[in-house]
């Protein structure tokens, strides 16, 4: 009986973990659904007209995950075109997943 209880609890825990991860979405899903791709391009090539550099630029590659997360959370840029802050729209886990996705675009 104890074995079945343990297996049941483990199954419930695993299902909850998978559901929570799925509900937050993958970095690619968040990237496309929150308008990141509109300015940064579907593959991270940037938008020269908006002065958005590609993710493969040396500065973007050198940026730490913390710096990228801060830019997503708090907004970034100077001049007339600025990246808006997404702190109110994305969870920390979603921001982390977007940063991880950006890293895949840099390869």
PDB file of N, CA and C in Angstrom:
ATOM      1  N   UNK A   1       0.818  -1.194   0.000  1.00  0.00           N
ATOM      2  CA  UNK A   1       0.000   0.000   0.000  1.00  0.00           C
ATOM      3  C   UNK A   1       0.868   1.267   0.000  1.00  0.00           C
ATOM      4  N   UNK A   2       1.954   1.243   0.799  1.00  0.00           N
ATOM      5  CA  UNK A   2       2.826   2.419   0.858  1.00  0.00           C
ATOM      6  C   UNK A   2       3.492   2.670  -0.489  1.00  0.00           C
ATOM      7  N   UNK A   3       3.808   1.620  -1.210  1.00  0.00           N
ATOM      8  CA  UNK A   3       4.447   1.768  -2.516  1.00  0.00           C
ATOM      9  C   UNK A   3       3.499   2.480  -3.474  1.00  0.00           C
ATOM     10  N   UNK A   4       2.226   2.074  -3.477  1.00  0.00           N
ATOM     11  CA  UNK A   4       1.251   2.704  -4.382  1.00  0.00           C
ATOM     12  C   UNK A   4       1.042   4.172  -4.026  1.00  0.00           C
ATOM     13  N   UNK A   5       1.035   4.487  -2.749  1.00  0.00           N
ATOM     14  CA  UNK A   5       0.891   5.872  -2.319  1.00  0.00           C
ATOM     15  C   UNK A   5       2.087   6.693  -2.798  1.00  0.00           C
ATOM     16  N   UNK A   6       3.286   6.140  -2.652  1.00  0.00           N
ATOM     17  CA  UNK A   6       4.485   6.828  -3.114  1.00  0.00           C
ATOM     18  C   UNK A   6       4.490   7.043  -4.613  1.00  0.00           C
ATOM     19  N   UNK A   7       4.067   6.021  -5.358  1.00  0.00           N
ATOM     20  CA  UNK A   7       4.009   6.132  -6.820  1.00  0.00           C
ATOM     21  C   UNK A   7       2.975   7.165  -7.230  1.00  0.00           C
ATOM     22  N   UNK A   8       1.826   7.159  -6.558  1.00  0.00           N
ATOM     23  CA  UNK A   8       0.772   8.127  -6.868  1.00  0.00           C
ATOM     24  C   UNK A   8       1.250   9.550  -6.605  1.00  0.00           C
ATOM     25  N   UNK A   9       1.884   9.767  -5.466  1.00  0.00           N
ATOM     26  CA  UNK A   9       2.396  11.102  -5.143  1.00  0.00           C
ATOM     27  C   UNK A   9       3.461  11.548  -6.144  1.00  0.00           C
ATOM     28  N   UNK A  10       4.335  10.644  -6.524  1.00  0.00           N
ATOM     29  CA  UNK A  10       5.370  10.972  -7.503  1.00  0.00           C
ATOM     30  C   UNK A  10       4.748  11.330  -8.851  1.00  0.00           C
ATOM     31  N   UNK A  11       3.717  10.603  -9.238  1.00  0.00           N
ATOM     32  CA  UNK A  11       3.032  10.881 -10.506  1.00  0.00           C
ATOM     33  C   UNK A  11       2.361  12.241 -10.475  1.00  0.00           C
ATOM     34  N   UNK A  12       1.697  12.549  -9.379  1.00  0.00           N
ATOM     35  CA  UNK A  12       1.035  13.853  -9.247  1.00  0.00           C
ATOM     36  C   UNK A  12       2.060  14.978  -9.278  1.00  0.00           C
ATOM     37  N   UNK A  13       3.155  14.800  -8.573  1.00  0.00           N
ATOM     38  CA  UNK A  13       4.210  15.817  -8.552  1.00  0.00           C
ATOM     39  C   UNK A  13       4.792  16.028  -9.949  1.00  0.00           C
ATOM     40  N   UNK A  14       5.054  14.957 -10.661  1.00  0.00           N
ATOM     41  CA  UNK A  14       5.602  15.061 -12.017  1.00  0.00           C
ATOM     42  C   UNK A  14       4.620  15.758 -12.941  1.00  0.00           C
ATOM     43  N   UNK A  15       3.345  15.420 -12.857  1.00  0.00           N
ATOM     44  CA  UNK A  15       2.325  16.036 -13.709  1.00  0.00           C
ATOM     45  C   UNK A  15       2.201  17.525 -13.414  1.00  0.00           C
ATOM     46  N   UNK A  16       2.272  17.895 -12.150  1.00  0.00           N
ATOM     47  CA  UNK A  16       2.189  19.302 -11.768  1.00  0.00           C
ATOM     48  C   UNK A  16       3.390  20.078 -12.296  1.00  0.00           C
ATOM     49  N   UNK A  17       4.559  19.507 -12.194  1.00  0.00           N
ATOM     50  CA  UNK A  17       5.776  20.163 -12.684  1.00  0.00           C
ATOM     51  C   UNK A  17       5.709  20.367 -14.189  1.00  0.00           C
ATOM     52  N   UNK A  18       5.299  19.353 -14.925  1.00  0.00           N
ATOM     53  CA  UNK A  18       5.193  19.461 -16.380  1.00  0.00           C
ATOM     54  C   UNK A  18       4.145  20.490 -16.757  1.00  0.00           C
ATOM     55  N   UNK A  19       3.009  20.488 -16.070  1.00  0.00           N
ATOM     56  CA  UNK A  19       1.943  21.447 -16.360  1.00  0.00           C
ATOM     57  C   UNK A  19       2.411  22.865 -16.098  1.00  0.00           C
ATOM     58  N   UNK A  20       3.131  23.087 -14.995  1.00  0.00           N
ATOM     59  CA  UNK A  20       3.621  24.430 -14.687  1.00  0.00           C
ATOM     60  C   UNK A  20       4.603  24.912 -15.741  1.00  0.00           C
ATOM     61  N   UNK A  21       5.503  24.042 -16.164  1.00  0.00           N
ATOM     62  CA  UNK A  21       6.472  24.418 -17.196  1.00  0.00           C
ATOM     63  C   UNK A  21       5.774  24.712 -18.506  1.00  0.00           C
ATOM     64  N   UNK A  22       4.773  23.904 -18.853  1.00  0.00           N
ATOM     65  CA  UNK A  22       4.042  24.119 -20.101  1.00  0.00           C
ATOM     66  C   UNK A  22       3.259  25.422 -20.056  1.00  0.00           C
ATOM     67  N   UNK A  23       2.655  25.726 -18.910  1.00  0.00           N
ATOM     68  CA  UNK A  23       1.853  26.944 -18.773  1.00  0.00           C
ATOM     69  C   UNK A  23       2.708  28.188 -18.949  1.00  0.00           C
ATOM     70  N   UNK A  24       3.978  28.128 -18.543  1.00  0.00           N
ATOM     71  CA  UNK A  24       4.853  29.283 -18.684  1.00  0.00           C
ATOM     72  C   UNK A  24       5.343  29.445 -20.115  1.00  0.00           C
ATOM     73  N   UNK A  25       5.292  28.417 -20.892  1.00  0.00           N
ATOM     74  CA  UNK A  25       5.696  28.479 -22.284  1.00  0.00           C
ATOM     75  C   UNK A  25       7.194  28.393 -22.464  1.00  0.00           C
ATOM     76  N   UNK A  26       7.583  27.936 -23.633  1.00  0.00           N
ATOM     77  CA  UNK A  26       9.003  27.871 -23.938  1.00  0.00           C
ATOM     78  C   UNK A  26       9.506  29.264 -24.306  1.00  0.00           C
ATOM     79  N   UNK A  27      10.803  29.415 -24.280  1.00  0.00           N
ATOM     80  CA  UNK A  27      11.379  30.706 -24.646  1.00  0.00           C
ATOM     81  C   UNK A  27      10.984  31.135 -26.047  1.00  0.00           C
ATOM     82  N   UNK A  28      10.941  30.183 -26.981  1.00  0.00           N
ATOM     83  CA  UNK A  28      10.546  30.507 -28.355  1.00  0.00           C
ATOM     84  C   UNK A  28       9.099  30.970 -28.415  1.00  0.00           C
ATOM     85  N   UNK A  29       8.230  30.303 -27.655  1.00  0.00           N
ATOM     86  CA  UNK A  29       6.818  30.701 -27.632  1.00  0.00           C
ATOM     87  C   UNK A  29       6.646  32.097 -27.050  1.00  0.00           C
ATOM     88  N   UNK A  30       7.328  32.369 -25.955  1.00  0.00           N
ATOM     89  CA  UNK A  30       7.240  33.685 -25.321  1.00  0.00           C
ATOM     90  C   UNK A  30       7.813  34.740 -26.265  1.00  0.00           C
ATOM     91  N   UNK A  31       8.920  34.431 -26.898  1.00  0.00           N
ATOM     92  CA  UNK A  31       9.585  35.356 -27.831  1.00  0.00           C
ATOM     93  C   UNK A  31       8.638  35.778 -28.953  1.00  0.00           C
ATOM     94  N   UNK A  32       7.924  34.821 -29.530  1.00  0.00           N
ATOM     95  CA  UNK A  32       7.038  35.157 -30.644  1.00  0.00           C
ATOM     96  C   UNK A  32       5.714  35.758 -30.189  1.00  0.00           C
ATOM     97  N   UNK A  33       5.238  35.359 -29.019  1.00  0.00           N
ATOM     98  CA  UNK A  33       3.927  35.831 -28.585  1.00  0.00           C
ATOM     99  C   UNK A  33       3.950  37.185 -27.882  1.00  0.00           C
ATOM    100  N   UNK A  34       5.103  37.655 -27.462  1.00  0.00           N
ATOM    101  CA  UNK A  34       5.166  38.940 -26.760  1.00  0.00           C
ATOM    102  C   UNK A  34       5.791  40.029 -27.611  1.00  0.00           C
ATOM    103  N   UNK A  35       5.807  39.846 -28.889  1.00  0.00           N
ATOM    104  CA  UNK A  35       6.260  40.855 -29.846  1.00  0.00           C
ATOM    105  C   UNK A  35       7.769  41.063 -29.888  1.00  0.00           C
ATOM    106  N   UNK A  36       8.548  40.182 -29.270  1.00  0.00           N
ATOM    107  CA  UNK A  36      10.011  40.296 -29.367  1.00  0.00           C
ATOM    108  C   UNK A  36      10.426  40.227 -30.836  1.00  0.00           C
ATOM    109  N   UNK A  37       9.842  39.263 -31.555  1.00  0.00           N
ATOM    110  CA  UNK A  37      10.218  39.035 -32.950  1.00  0.00           C
ATOM    111  C   UNK A  37       9.903  40.227 -33.834  1.00  0.00           C
ATOM    112  N   UNK A  38       8.915  41.030 -33.450  1.00  0.00           N
ATOM    113  CA  UNK A  38       8.529  42.173 -34.272  1.00  0.00           C
ATOM    114  C   UNK A  38       9.704  43.151 -34.455  1.00  0.00           C
ATOM    115  N   UNK A  39      10.479  43.356 -33.414  1.00  0.00           N
ATOM    116  CA  UNK A  39      11.622  44.275 -33.503  1.00  0.00           C
ATOM    117  C   UNK A  39      12.957  43.549 -33.689  1.00  0.00           C
ATOM    118  N   UNK A  40      13.081  42.400 -33.054  1.00  0.00           N
ATOM    119  CA  UNK A  40      14.358  41.681 -33.076  1.00  0.00           C
ATOM    120  C   UNK A  40      14.460  40.676 -34.219  1.00  0.00           C
ATOM    121  N   UNK A  41      13.364  40.444 -34.931  1.00  0.00           N
ATOM    122  CA  UNK A  41      13.355  39.486 -36.034  1.00  0.00           C
ATOM    123  C   UNK A  41      13.084  38.080 -35.543  1.00  0.00           C
ATOM    124  N   UNK A  42      12.482  37.294 -36.387  1.00  0.00           N
ATOM    125  CA  UNK A  42      12.128  35.917 -36.022  1.00  0.00           C
ATOM    126  C   UNK A  42      13.343  35.090 -35.638  1.00  0.00           C
ATOM    127  N   UNK A  43      14.487  35.408 -36.256  1.00  0.00           N
ATOM    128  CA  UNK A  43      15.707  34.657 -35.957  1.00  0.00           C
ATOM    129  C   UNK A  43      16.757  35.516 -35.242  1.00  0.00           C
ATOM    130  N   UNK A  44      16.325  36.665 -34.710  1.00  0.00           N
ATOM    131  CA  UNK A  44      17.241  37.513 -33.956  1.00  0.00           C
ATOM    132  C   UNK A  44      18.157  38.361 -34.806  1.00  0.00           C
ATOM    133  N   UNK A  45      17.777  38.603 -36.069  1.00  0.00           N
ATOM    134  CA  UNK A  45      18.623  39.380 -36.972  1.00  0.00           C
ATOM    135  C   UNK A  45      18.549  40.880 -36.727  1.00  0.00           C
ATOM    136  N   UNK A  46      17.622  41.310 -35.884  1.00  0.00           N
ATOM    137  CA  UNK A  46      17.495  42.733 -35.586  1.00  0.00           C
ATOM    138  C   UNK A  46      16.709  43.459 -36.642  1.00  0.00           C
ATOM    139  N   UNK A  47      16.612  44.764 -36.477  1.00  0.00           N
ATOM    140  CA  UNK A  47      15.873  45.610 -37.412  1.00  0.00           C
ATOM    141  C   UNK A  47      16.684  46.889 -37.586  1.00  0.00           C
ATOM    142  N   UNK A  48      17.396  46.974 -38.694  1.00  0.00           N
ATOM    143  CA  UNK A  48      18.285  48.122 -38.936  1.00  0.00           C
ATOM    144  C   UNK A  48      17.522  49.432 -38.946  1.00  0.00           C
ATOM    145  N   UNK A  49      16.313  49.431 -39.508  1.00  0.00           N
ATOM    146  CA  UNK A  49      15.509  50.651 -39.562  1.00  0.00           C
ATOM    147  C   UNK A  49      15.149  51.182 -38.187  1.00  0.00           C
ATOM    148  N   UNK A  50      15.024  50.272 -37.238  1.00  0.00           N
ATOM    149  CA  UNK A  50      14.699  50.665 -35.865  1.00  0.00           C
ATOM    150  C   UNK A  50      15.953  50.744 -34.999  1.00  0.00           C
ATOM    151  N   UNK A  51      17.102  50.509 -35.617  1.00  0.00           N
ATOM    152  CA  UNK A  51      18.393  50.506 -34.926  1.00  0.00           C
ATOM    153  C   UNK A  51      18.453  49.438 -33.836  1.00  0.00           C
ATOM    154  N   UNK A  52      17.844  48.282 -34.124  1.00  0.00           N
ATOM    155  CA  UNK A  52      17.894  47.140 -33.221  1.00  0.00           C
ATOM    156  C   UNK A  52      18.967  46.198 -33.759  1.00  0.00           C
ATOM    157  N   UNK A  53      20.073  46.047 -33.030  1.00  0.00           N
ATOM    158  CA  UNK A  53      21.169  45.197 -33.517  1.00  0.00           C
ATOM    159  C   UNK A  53      20.803  43.715 -33.448  1.00  0.00           C
ATOM    160  N   UNK A  54      21.460  42.906 -34.241  1.00  0.00           N
ATOM    161  CA  UNK A  54      21.208  41.459 -34.190  1.00  0.00           C
ATOM    162  C   UNK A  54      21.749  40.856 -32.896  1.00  0.00           C
ATOM    163  N   UNK A  55      21.154  39.749 -32.507  1.00  0.00           N
ATOM    164  CA  UNK A  55      21.637  39.052 -31.312  1.00  0.00           C
ATOM    165  C   UNK A  55      23.023  38.464 -31.516  1.00  0.00           C
ATOM    166  N   UNK A  56      23.460  38.354 -32.766  1.00  0.00           N
ATOM    167  CA  UNK A  56      24.807  37.843 -33.039  1.00  0.00           C
ATOM    168  C   UNK A  56      25.860  38.944 -33.015  1.00  0.00           C
ATOM    169  N   UNK A  57      25.460  40.168 -32.673  1.00  0.00           N
ATOM    170  CA  UNK A  57      26.449  41.246 -32.578  1.00  0.00           C
ATOM    171  C   UNK A  57      27.379  40.959 -31.402  1.00  0.00           C
ATOM    172  N   UNK A  58      28.618  41.435 -31.482  1.00  0.00           N
ATOM    173  CA  UNK A  58      29.563  41.192 -30.385  1.00  0.00           C
ATOM    174  C   UNK A  58      29.046  41.654 -29.022  1.00  0.00           C
ATOM    175  N   UNK A  59      28.369  42.799 -28.989  1.00  0.00           N
ATOM    176  CA  UNK A  59      27.855  43.303 -27.710  1.00  0.00           C
ATOM    177  C   UNK A  59      26.780  42.382 -27.135  1.00  0.00           C
ATOM    178  N   UNK A  60      25.897  41.881 -27.985  1.00  0.00           N
ATOM    179  CA  UNK A  60      24.838  40.982 -27.514  1.00  0.00           C
ATOM    180  C   UNK A  60      25.422  39.651 -27.054  1.00  0.00           C
ATOM    181  N   UNK A  61      26.421  39.173 -27.752  1.00  0.00           N
ATOM    182  CA  UNK A  61      27.050  37.906 -27.360  1.00  0.00           C
ATOM    183  C   UNK A  61      27.792  38.065 -26.029  1.00  0.00           C
ATOM    184  N   UNK A  62      28.435  39.212 -25.841  1.00  0.00           N
ATOM    185  CA  UNK A  62      29.177  39.456 -24.601  1.00  0.00           C
ATOM    186  C   UNK A  62      28.261  39.727 -23.412  1.00  0.00           C
ATOM    187  N   UNK A  63      27.050  40.176 -23.658  1.00  0.00           N
ATOM    188  CA  UNK A  63      26.127  40.510 -22.570  1.00  0.00           C
ATOM    189  C   UNK A  63      25.850  39.283 -21.705  1.00  0.00           C
ATOM    190  N   UNK A  64      25.840  39.496 -20.420  1.00  0.00           N
ATOM    191  CA  UNK A  64      25.545  38.389 -19.505  1.00  0.00           C
ATOM    192  C   UNK A  64      24.049  38.096 -19.517  1.00  0.00           C
ATOM    193  N   UNK A  65      23.690  36.918 -19.043  1.00  0.00           N
ATOM    194  CA  UNK A  65      22.275  36.580 -18.923  1.00  0.00           C
ATOM    195  C   UNK A  65      21.569  37.569 -18.000  1.00  0.00           C
ATOM    196  N   UNK A  66      22.265  38.007 -16.968  1.00  0.00           N
ATOM    197  CA  UNK A  66      21.694  38.988 -16.034  1.00  0.00           C
ATOM    198  C   UNK A  66      21.405  40.304 -16.743  1.00  0.00           C
ATOM    199  N   UNK A  67      22.324  40.744 -17.595  1.00  0.00           N
ATOM    200  CA  UNK A  67      22.134  41.992 -18.326  1.00  0.00           C
ATOM    201  C   UNK A  67      20.975  41.877 -19.317  1.00  0.00           C
ATOM    202  N   UNK A  68      20.893  40.741 -20.019  1.00  0.00           N
ATOM    203  CA  UNK A  68      19.777  40.548 -20.951  1.00  0.00           C
ATOM    204  C   UNK A  68      18.449  40.498 -20.203  1.00  0.00           C
ATOM    205  N   UNK A  69      18.431  39.813 -19.075  1.00  0.00           N
ATOM    206  CA  UNK A  69      17.214  39.744 -18.263  1.00  0.00           C
ATOM    207  C   UNK A  69      16.790  41.124 -17.794  1.00  0.00           C
ATOM    208  N   UNK A  70      17.752  41.933 -17.375  1.00  0.00           N
ATOM    209  CA  UNK A  70      17.456  43.292 -16.912  1.00  0.00           C
ATOM    210  C   UNK A  70      16.891  44.143 -18.041  1.00  0.00           C
ATOM    211  N   UNK A  71      17.441  43.991 -19.241  1.00  0.00           N
ATOM    212  CA  UNK A  71      16.945  44.752 -20.389  1.00  0.00           C
ATOM    213  C   UNK A  71      15.502  44.359 -20.722  1.00  0.00           C
ATOM    214  N   UNK A  72      15.206  43.075 -20.640  1.00  0.00           N
ATOM    215  CA  UNK A  72      13.837  42.617 -20.912  1.00  0.00           C
ATOM    216  C   UNK A  72      12.902  43.110 -19.814  1.00  0.00           C
ATOM    217  N   UNK A  73      13.325  42.981 -18.597  1.00  0.00           N
ATOM    218  CA  UNK A  73      12.486  43.345 -17.457  1.00  0.00           C
ATOM    219  C   UNK A  73      12.254  44.851 -17.374  1.00  0.00           C
ATOM    220  N   UNK A  74      13.322  45.642 -17.530  1.00  0.00           N
ATOM    221  CA  UNK A  74      13.253  47.083 -17.274  1.00  0.00           C
ATOM    222  C   UNK A  74      13.205  47.944 -18.527  1.00  0.00           C
ATOM    223  N   UNK A  75      13.367  47.335 -19.697  1.00  0.00           N
ATOM    224  CA  UNK A  75      13.437  48.107 -20.925  1.00  0.00           C
ATOM    225  C   UNK A  75      14.872  48.520 -21.187  1.00  0.00           C
ATOM    226  N   UNK A  76      15.127  49.000 -22.386  1.00  0.00           N
ATOM    227  CA  UNK A  76      16.495  49.375 -22.744  1.00  0.00           C
ATOM    228  C   UNK A  76      16.480  50.356 -23.898  1.00  0.00           C
ATOM    229  N   UNK A  77      17.626  50.947 -24.126  1.00  0.00           N
ATOM    230  CA  UNK A  77      17.790  51.818 -25.278  1.00  0.00           C
ATOM    231  C   UNK A  77      17.713  53.286 -24.927  1.00  0.00           C
ATOM    232  N   UNK A  78      18.223  54.063 -25.858  1.00  0.00           N
ATOM    233  CA  UNK A  78      18.181  55.510 -25.723  1.00  0.00           C
ATOM    234  C   UNK A  78      17.718  56.088 -27.042  1.00  0.00           C
ATOM    235  N   UNK A  79      17.423  57.349 -27.060  1.00  0.00           N
ATOM    236  CA  UNK A  79      16.975  57.980 -28.294  1.00  0.00           C
ATOM    237  C   UNK A  79      15.473  57.814 -28.491  1.00  0.00           C
ATOM    238  N   UNK A  80      15.054  57.820 -29.745  1.00  0.00           N
ATOM    239  CA  UNK A  80      13.625  57.779 -30.027  1.00  0.00           C
ATOM    240  C   UNK A  80      13.038  56.375 -29.986  1.00  0.00           C
ATOM    241  N   UNK A  81      13.848  55.371 -30.276  1.00  0.00           N
ATOM    242  CA  UNK A  81      13.365  53.984 -30.254  1.00  0.00           C
ATOM    243  C   UNK A  81      13.895  53.322 -28.991  1.00  0.00           C
ATOM    244  N   UNK A  82      12.985  52.911 -28.128  1.00  0.00           N
ATOM    245  CA  UNK A  82      13.386  52.249 -26.889  1.00  0.00           C
ATOM    246  C   UNK A  82      12.607  50.951 -26.745  1.00  0.00           C
ATOM    247  N   UNK A  83      13.281  49.968 -26.179  1.00  0.00           N
ATOM    248  CA  UNK A  83      12.607  48.715 -25.882  1.00  0.00           C
ATOM    249  C   UNK A  83      11.771  48.916 -24.626  1.00  0.00           C
ATOM    250  N   UNK A  84      10.500  48.552 -24.677  1.00  0.00           N
ATOM    251  CA  UNK A  84       9.662  48.710 -23.479  1.00  0.00           C
ATOM    252  C   UNK A  84      10.019  47.690 -22.405  1.00  0.00           C
ATOM    253  N   UNK A  85       9.643  48.000 -21.184  1.00  0.00           N
ATOM    254  CA  UNK A  85       9.842  47.082 -20.064  1.00  0.00           C
ATOM    255  C   UNK A  85       8.755  46.007 -20.099  1.00  0.00           C
ATOM    256  N   UNK A  86       9.151  44.785 -19.788  1.00  0.00           N
ATOM    257  CA  UNK A  86       8.203  43.670 -19.779  1.00  0.00           C
ATOM    258  C   UNK A  86       8.018  43.082 -18.386  1.00  0.00           C
ATOM    259  N   UNK A  87       8.456  43.784 -17.348  1.00  0.00           N
ATOM    260  CA  UNK A  87       8.337  43.276 -15.975  1.00  0.00           C
ATOM    261  C   UNK A  87       6.885  42.993 -15.603  1.00  0.00           C
ATOM    262  N   UNK A  88       5.975  43.806 -16.082  1.00  0.00           N
ATOM    263  CA  UNK A  88       4.560  43.622 -15.743  1.00  0.00           C
ATOM    264  C   UNK A  88       3.870  42.588 -16.635  1.00  0.00           C
ATOM    265  N   UNK A  89       4.537  42.180 -17.709  1.00  0.00           N
ATOM    266  CA  UNK A  89       3.915  41.270 -18.670  1.00  0.00           C
ATOM    267  C   UNK A  89       4.479  39.856 -18.625  1.00  0.00           C
ATOM    268  N   UNK A  90       5.716  39.713 -18.151  1.00  0.00           N
ATOM    269  CA  UNK A  90       6.369  38.408 -18.129  1.00  0.00           C
ATOM    270  C   UNK A  90       6.844  38.066 -16.721  1.00  0.00           C
ATOM    271  N   UNK A  91       6.774  36.801 -16.390  1.00  0.00           N
ATOM    272  CA  UNK A  91       7.307  36.344 -15.109  1.00  0.00           C
ATOM    273  C   UNK A  91       8.826  36.225 -15.222  1.00  0.00           C
ATOM    274  N   UNK A  92       9.481  36.104 -14.089  1.00  0.00           N
ATOM    275  CA  UNK A  92      10.932  35.905 -14.105  1.00  0.00           C
ATOM    276  C   UNK A  92      11.296  34.629 -14.855  1.00  0.00           C
ATOM    277  N   UNK A  93      10.481  33.584 -14.699  1.00  0.00           N
ATOM    278  CA  UNK A  93      10.740  32.322 -15.402  1.00  0.00           C
ATOM    279  C   UNK A  93      10.604  32.502 -16.908  1.00  0.00           C
ATOM    280  N   UNK A  94       9.631  33.275 -17.349  1.00  0.00           N
ATOM    281  CA  UNK A  94       9.472  33.526 -18.781  1.00  0.00           C
ATOM    282  C   UNK A  94      10.638  34.334 -19.327  1.00  0.00           C
ATOM    283  N   UNK A  95      11.079  35.328 -18.574  1.00  0.00           N
ATOM    284  CA  UNK A  95      12.230  36.133 -18.998  1.00  0.00           C
ATOM    285  C   UNK A  95      13.465  35.247 -19.111  1.00  0.00           C
ATOM    286  N   UNK A  96      13.662  34.391 -18.142  1.00  0.00           N
ATOM    287  CA  UNK A  96      14.801  33.467 -18.178  1.00  0.00           C
ATOM    288  C   UNK A  96      14.717  32.559 -19.401  1.00  0.00           C
ATOM    289  N   UNK A  97      13.513  32.108 -19.751  1.00  0.00           N
ATOM    290  CA  UNK A  97      13.356  31.237 -20.917  1.00  0.00           C
ATOM    291  C   UNK A  97      13.618  31.998 -22.211  1.00  0.00           C
ATOM    292  N   UNK A  98      13.262  33.271 -22.266  1.00  0.00           N
ATOM    293  CA  UNK A  98      13.544  34.085 -23.449  1.00  0.00           C
ATOM    294  C   UNK A  98      15.052  34.285 -23.593  1.00  0.00           C
ATOM    295  N   UNK A  99      15.734  34.556 -22.500  1.00  0.00           N
ATOM    296  CA  UNK A  99      17.192  34.716 -22.550  1.00  0.00           C
ATOM    297  C   UNK A  99      17.837  33.427 -23.057  1.00  0.00           C
ATOM    298  N   UNK A 100      17.368  32.298 -22.569  1.00  0.00           N
ATOM    299  CA  UNK A 100      17.907  31.010 -23.045  1.00  0.00           C
ATOM    300  C   UNK A 100      17.641  30.838 -24.533  1.00  0.00           C
ATOM    301  N   UNK A 101      16.470  31.260 -24.999  1.00  0.00           N
ATOM    302  CA  UNK A 101      16.149  31.171 -26.420  1.00  0.00           C
ATOM    303  C   UNK A 101      17.046  32.106 -27.240  1.00  0.00           C
ATOM    304  N   UNK A 102      17.277  33.295 -26.735  1.00  0.00           N
ATOM    305  CA  UNK A 102      18.174  34.245 -27.415  1.00  0.00           C
ATOM    306  C   UNK A 102      19.550  33.612 -27.594  1.00  0.00           C
ATOM    307  N   UNK A 103      20.024  32.912 -26.587  1.00  0.00           N
ATOM    308  CA  UNK A 103      21.328  32.245 -26.680  1.00  0.00           C
ATOM    309  C   UNK A 103      21.342  31.215 -27.803  1.00  0.00           C
ATOM    310  N   UNK A 104      20.214  30.541 -28.043  1.00  0.00           N
ATOM    311  CA  UNK A 104      20.170  29.582 -29.163  1.00  0.00           C
ATOM    312  C   UNK A 104      20.212  30.308 -30.498  1.00  0.00           C
ATOM    313  N   UNK A 105      19.665  31.506 -30.563  1.00  0.00           N
ATOM    314  CA  UNK A 105      19.696  32.281 -31.803  1.00  0.00           C
ATOM    315  C   UNK A 105      21.102  32.803 -32.107  1.00  0.00           C
ATOM    316  N   UNK A 106      21.932  32.856 -31.110  1.00  0.00           N
ATOM    317  CA  UNK A 106      23.294  33.364 -31.289  1.00  0.00           C
ATOM    318  C   UNK A 106      24.240  32.321 -31.843  1.00  0.00           C
ATOM    319  N   UNK A 107      23.812  31.076 -31.928  1.00  0.00           N
ATOM    320  CA  UNK A 107      24.693  30.006 -32.413  1.00  0.00           C
ATOM    321  C   UNK A 107      24.684  29.931 -33.911  1.00  0.00           C
TER     322      UNK A 107
END
